[in-house]
Amino acid sequence: MRRGRVKGPLGSIERPASPLHFRLVLAVFGALVCLVGAVLAVTWAHSAALTVVLAAGVVATGLNIYWVSQRIRHER
């Protein structure tokens, strides 16, 4: 393993691409699914319990998006 700062463009042999970007894509997709589900639970199903659960999921995925974006920022 090399010591010191790894140099080179992101995605090269010297500096491989981070899996955090893929995790960010999945987190955004999960947030969209939870948001659509929460809206449908309010408008179509009229279920308060399902709305609360899906709204909590939207908040949790929002926190996950924030956390992953901070990790990506500090990785650079």
N, C-alpha and C. Protein backbone atom coordinates (compact mmCIF):
# COMPACT_ATOMS: atom_id res chain seq x y z
N MET A 1 0.84 -1.17 0.00
CA MET A 1 0.00 0.00 0.00
C MET A 1 0.89 1.24 0.00
N ARG A 2 0.47 2.25 -0.74
CA ARG A 2 1.25 3.48 -0.84
C ARG A 2 1.05 4.35 0.38
N ARG A 3 2.08 5.10 0.69
CA ARG A 3 1.98 6.06 1.78
C ARG A 3 1.89 7.46 1.22
N GLY A 4 1.30 8.36 1.97
CA GLY A 4 1.18 9.74 1.53
C GLY A 4 -0.10 9.98 0.76
N ARG A 5 -0.15 11.13 0.14
CA ARG A 5 -1.35 11.53 -0.59
C ARG A 5 -1.39 10.85 -1.95
N VAL A 6 -2.54 10.29 -2.27
CA VAL A 6 -2.72 9.64 -3.56
C VAL A 6 -3.06 10.72 -4.59
N LYS A 7 -2.34 10.72 -5.70
CA LYS A 7 -2.54 11.74 -6.72
C LYS A 7 -3.07 11.11 -7.99
N GLY A 8 -3.66 11.92 -8.80
CA GLY A 8 -4.23 11.45 -10.05
C GLY A 8 -5.70 11.77 -10.12
N PRO A 9 -6.28 11.70 -11.31
CA PRO A 9 -7.70 12.02 -11.45
C PRO A 9 -8.58 10.94 -10.83
N LEU A 10 -9.75 11.37 -10.35
CA LEU A 10 -10.69 10.43 -9.75
C LEU A 10 -11.14 9.43 -10.80
N GLY A 11 -11.07 8.17 -10.49
CA GLY A 11 -11.43 7.12 -11.42
C GLY A 11 -10.23 6.48 -12.08
N SER A 12 -9.03 7.02 -11.85
CA SER A 12 -7.83 6.43 -12.43
C SER A 12 -7.31 5.31 -11.53
N ILE A 13 -6.25 4.67 -11.95
CA ILE A 13 -5.65 3.60 -11.15
C ILE A 13 -5.10 4.15 -9.85
N GLU A 14 -4.55 5.36 -9.90
CA GLU A 14 -3.98 5.97 -8.71
C GLU A 14 -5.05 6.40 -7.71
N ARG A 15 -6.23 6.75 -8.21
CA ARG A 15 -7.30 7.24 -7.34
C ARG A 15 -8.64 6.67 -7.81
N PRO A 16 -9.01 5.50 -7.33
CA PRO A 16 -10.24 4.88 -7.81
C PRO A 16 -11.49 5.65 -7.37
N ALA A 17 -12.56 5.50 -8.12
CA ALA A 17 -13.82 6.19 -7.81
C ALA A 17 -14.41 5.65 -6.52
N SER A 18 -15.06 6.52 -5.80
CA SER A 18 -15.63 6.17 -4.51
C SER A 18 -16.99 5.52 -4.67
N PRO A 19 -17.29 4.51 -3.87
CA PRO A 19 -18.64 3.92 -3.90
C PRO A 19 -19.67 4.82 -3.23
N LEU A 20 -19.23 5.92 -2.63
CA LEU A 20 -20.17 6.82 -1.98
C LEU A 20 -21.10 7.50 -2.98
N HIS A 21 -20.64 7.72 -4.19
CA HIS A 21 -21.51 8.34 -5.20
C HIS A 21 -22.67 7.42 -5.55
N PHE A 22 -22.39 6.12 -5.63
CA PHE A 22 -23.46 5.16 -5.89
C PHE A 22 -24.42 5.12 -4.72
N ARG A 23 -23.89 5.20 -3.51
CA ARG A 23 -24.74 5.22 -2.33
C ARG A 23 -25.62 6.48 -2.30
N LEU A 24 -25.09 7.59 -2.78
CA LEU A 24 -25.88 8.82 -2.85
C LEU A 24 -27.02 8.67 -3.85
N VAL A 25 -26.76 8.05 -4.98
CA VAL A 25 -27.81 7.82 -5.98
C VAL A 25 -28.91 6.95 -5.38
N LEU A 26 -28.53 5.89 -4.68
CA LEU A 26 -29.52 5.02 -4.05
C LEU A 26 -30.32 5.77 -2.98
N ALA A 27 -29.66 6.63 -2.22
CA ALA A 27 -30.35 7.38 -1.17
C ALA A 27 -31.36 8.35 -1.78
N VAL A 28 -30.99 9.01 -2.86
CA VAL A 28 -31.93 9.93 -3.52
C VAL A 28 -33.12 9.17 -4.08
N PHE A 29 -32.86 8.01 -4.68
CA PHE A 29 -33.95 7.19 -5.20
C PHE A 29 -34.87 6.75 -4.06
N GLY A 30 -34.31 6.34 -2.94
CA GLY A 30 -35.11 5.94 -1.79
C GLY A 30 -35.95 7.08 -1.25
N ALA A 31 -35.38 8.28 -1.24
CA ALA A 31 -36.13 9.45 -0.77
C ALA A 31 -37.30 9.75 -1.70
N LEU A 32 -37.07 9.63 -2.99
CA LEU A 32 -38.16 9.87 -3.94
C LEU A 32 -39.27 8.84 -3.79
N VAL A 33 -38.90 7.58 -3.60
CA VAL A 33 -39.90 6.53 -3.41
C VAL A 33 -40.71 6.78 -2.14
N CYS A 34 -40.04 7.12 -1.05
CA CYS A 34 -40.75 7.41 0.20
C CYS A 34 -41.64 8.64 0.07
N LEU A 35 -41.17 9.65 -0.63
CA LEU A 35 -41.96 10.86 -0.81
C LEU A 35 -43.21 10.59 -1.63
N VAL A 36 -43.06 9.87 -2.72
CA VAL A 36 -44.23 9.51 -3.55
C VAL A 36 -45.19 8.65 -2.74
N GLY A 37 -44.65 7.71 -1.97
CA GLY A 37 -45.51 6.88 -1.13
C GLY A 37 -46.26 7.68 -0.08
N ALA A 38 -45.60 8.65 0.52
CA ALA A 38 -46.26 9.49 1.52
C ALA A 38 -47.36 10.34 0.89
N VAL A 39 -47.10 10.88 -0.28
CA VAL A 39 -48.12 11.68 -0.96
C VAL A 39 -49.32 10.80 -1.33
N LEU A 40 -49.06 9.61 -1.83
CA LEU A 40 -50.15 8.70 -2.17
C LEU A 40 -50.91 8.23 -0.94
N ALA A 41 -50.22 8.06 0.17
CA ALA A 41 -50.89 7.66 1.41
C ALA A 41 -51.84 8.75 1.89
N VAL A 42 -51.48 10.00 1.67
CA VAL A 42 -52.35 11.11 2.08
C VAL A 42 -53.53 11.24 1.12
N THR A 43 -53.24 11.24 -0.18
CA THR A 43 -54.28 11.56 -1.16
C THR A 43 -55.16 10.38 -1.54
N TRP A 44 -54.58 9.22 -1.66
CA TRP A 44 -55.32 8.08 -2.20
C TRP A 44 -55.80 7.14 -1.10
N ALA A 45 -54.92 6.76 -0.19
CA ALA A 45 -55.28 5.77 0.83
C ALA A 45 -55.93 6.39 2.06
N HIS A 46 -55.71 7.67 2.30
CA HIS A 46 -56.24 8.35 3.49
C HIS A 46 -55.87 7.60 4.77
N SER A 47 -54.62 7.15 4.83
CA SER A 47 -54.14 6.39 5.98
C SER A 47 -53.14 7.24 6.75
N ALA A 48 -53.53 7.59 7.98
CA ALA A 48 -52.65 8.43 8.80
C ALA A 48 -51.41 7.67 9.25
N ALA A 49 -51.58 6.41 9.62
CA ALA A 49 -50.44 5.63 10.11
C ALA A 49 -49.41 5.43 9.00
N LEU A 50 -49.87 5.10 7.81
CA LEU A 50 -48.96 4.90 6.69
C LEU A 50 -48.26 6.21 6.32
N THR A 51 -48.99 7.30 6.40
CA THR A 51 -48.40 8.62 6.11
C THR A 51 -47.29 8.95 7.09
N VAL A 52 -47.52 8.67 8.38
CA VAL A 52 -46.51 8.96 9.40
C VAL A 52 -45.27 8.11 9.17
N VAL A 53 -45.46 6.83 8.88
CA VAL A 53 -44.31 5.94 8.65
C VAL A 53 -43.52 6.38 7.43
N LEU A 54 -44.20 6.69 6.35
CA LEU A 54 -43.49 7.10 5.13
C LEU A 54 -42.87 8.48 5.28
N ALA A 55 -43.50 9.37 6.02
CA ALA A 55 -42.90 10.69 6.28
C ALA A 55 -41.63 10.54 7.11
N ALA A 56 -41.65 9.62 8.08
CA ALA A 56 -40.43 9.34 8.85
C ALA A 56 -39.34 8.76 7.94
N GLY A 57 -39.74 7.96 6.97
CA GLY A 57 -38.79 7.44 5.99
C GLY A 57 -38.18 8.53 5.14
N VAL A 58 -38.98 9.52 4.77
CA VAL A 58 -38.47 10.66 4.00
C VAL A 58 -37.44 11.43 4.82
N VAL A 59 -37.74 11.65 6.10
CA VAL A 59 -36.80 12.37 6.96
C VAL A 59 -35.51 11.56 7.12
N ALA A 60 -35.63 10.25 7.32
CA ALA A 60 -34.45 9.41 7.50
C ALA A 60 -33.60 9.37 6.23
N THR A 61 -34.22 9.27 5.08
CA THR A 61 -33.44 9.26 3.84
C THR A 61 -32.83 10.63 3.57
N GLY A 62 -33.51 11.68 3.99
CA GLY A 62 -32.92 13.02 3.87
C GLY A 62 -31.66 13.16 4.70
N LEU A 63 -31.71 12.62 5.92
CA LEU A 63 -30.50 12.62 6.76
C LEU A 63 -29.40 11.77 6.15
N ASN A 64 -29.78 10.66 5.53
CA ASN A 64 -28.79 9.80 4.88
C ASN A 64 -28.15 10.53 3.69
N ILE A 65 -28.95 11.24 2.92
CA ILE A 65 -28.40 12.01 1.79
C ILE A 65 -27.42 13.06 2.30
N TYR A 66 -27.78 13.76 3.37
CA TYR A 66 -26.89 14.76 3.95
C TYR A 66 -25.59 14.12 4.42
N TRP A 67 -25.69 12.99 5.12
CA TRP A 67 -24.51 12.32 5.66
C TRP A 67 -23.58 11.85 4.53
N VAL A 68 -24.14 11.25 3.50
CA VAL A 68 -23.32 10.76 2.39
C VAL A 68 -22.68 11.93 1.66
N SER A 69 -23.42 13.02 1.46
CA SER A 69 -22.82 14.16 0.77
C SER A 69 -21.70 14.79 1.59
N GLN A 70 -21.83 14.78 2.91
CA GLN A 70 -20.74 15.27 3.75
C GLN A 70 -19.53 14.35 3.67
N ARG A 71 -19.76 13.05 3.64
CA ARG A 71 -18.64 12.11 3.49
C ARG A 71 -17.93 12.30 2.16
N ILE A 72 -18.69 12.53 1.10
CA ILE A 72 -18.08 12.76 -0.21
C ILE A 72 -17.26 14.05 -0.17
N ARG A 73 -17.81 15.08 0.46
CA ARG A 73 -17.09 16.36 0.54
C ARG A 73 -15.80 16.23 1.32
N HIS A 74 -15.81 15.49 2.42
CA HIS A 74 -14.61 15.35 3.24
C HIS A 74 -13.62 14.34 2.65
N GLU A 75 -14.09 13.51 1.72
CA GLU A 75 -13.21 12.53 1.09
C GLU A 75 -12.26 13.21 0.10
N ARG A 76 -12.69 14.32 -0.47
CA ARG A 76 -11.88 14.99 -1.51
C ARG A 76 -10.75 15.77 -0.93
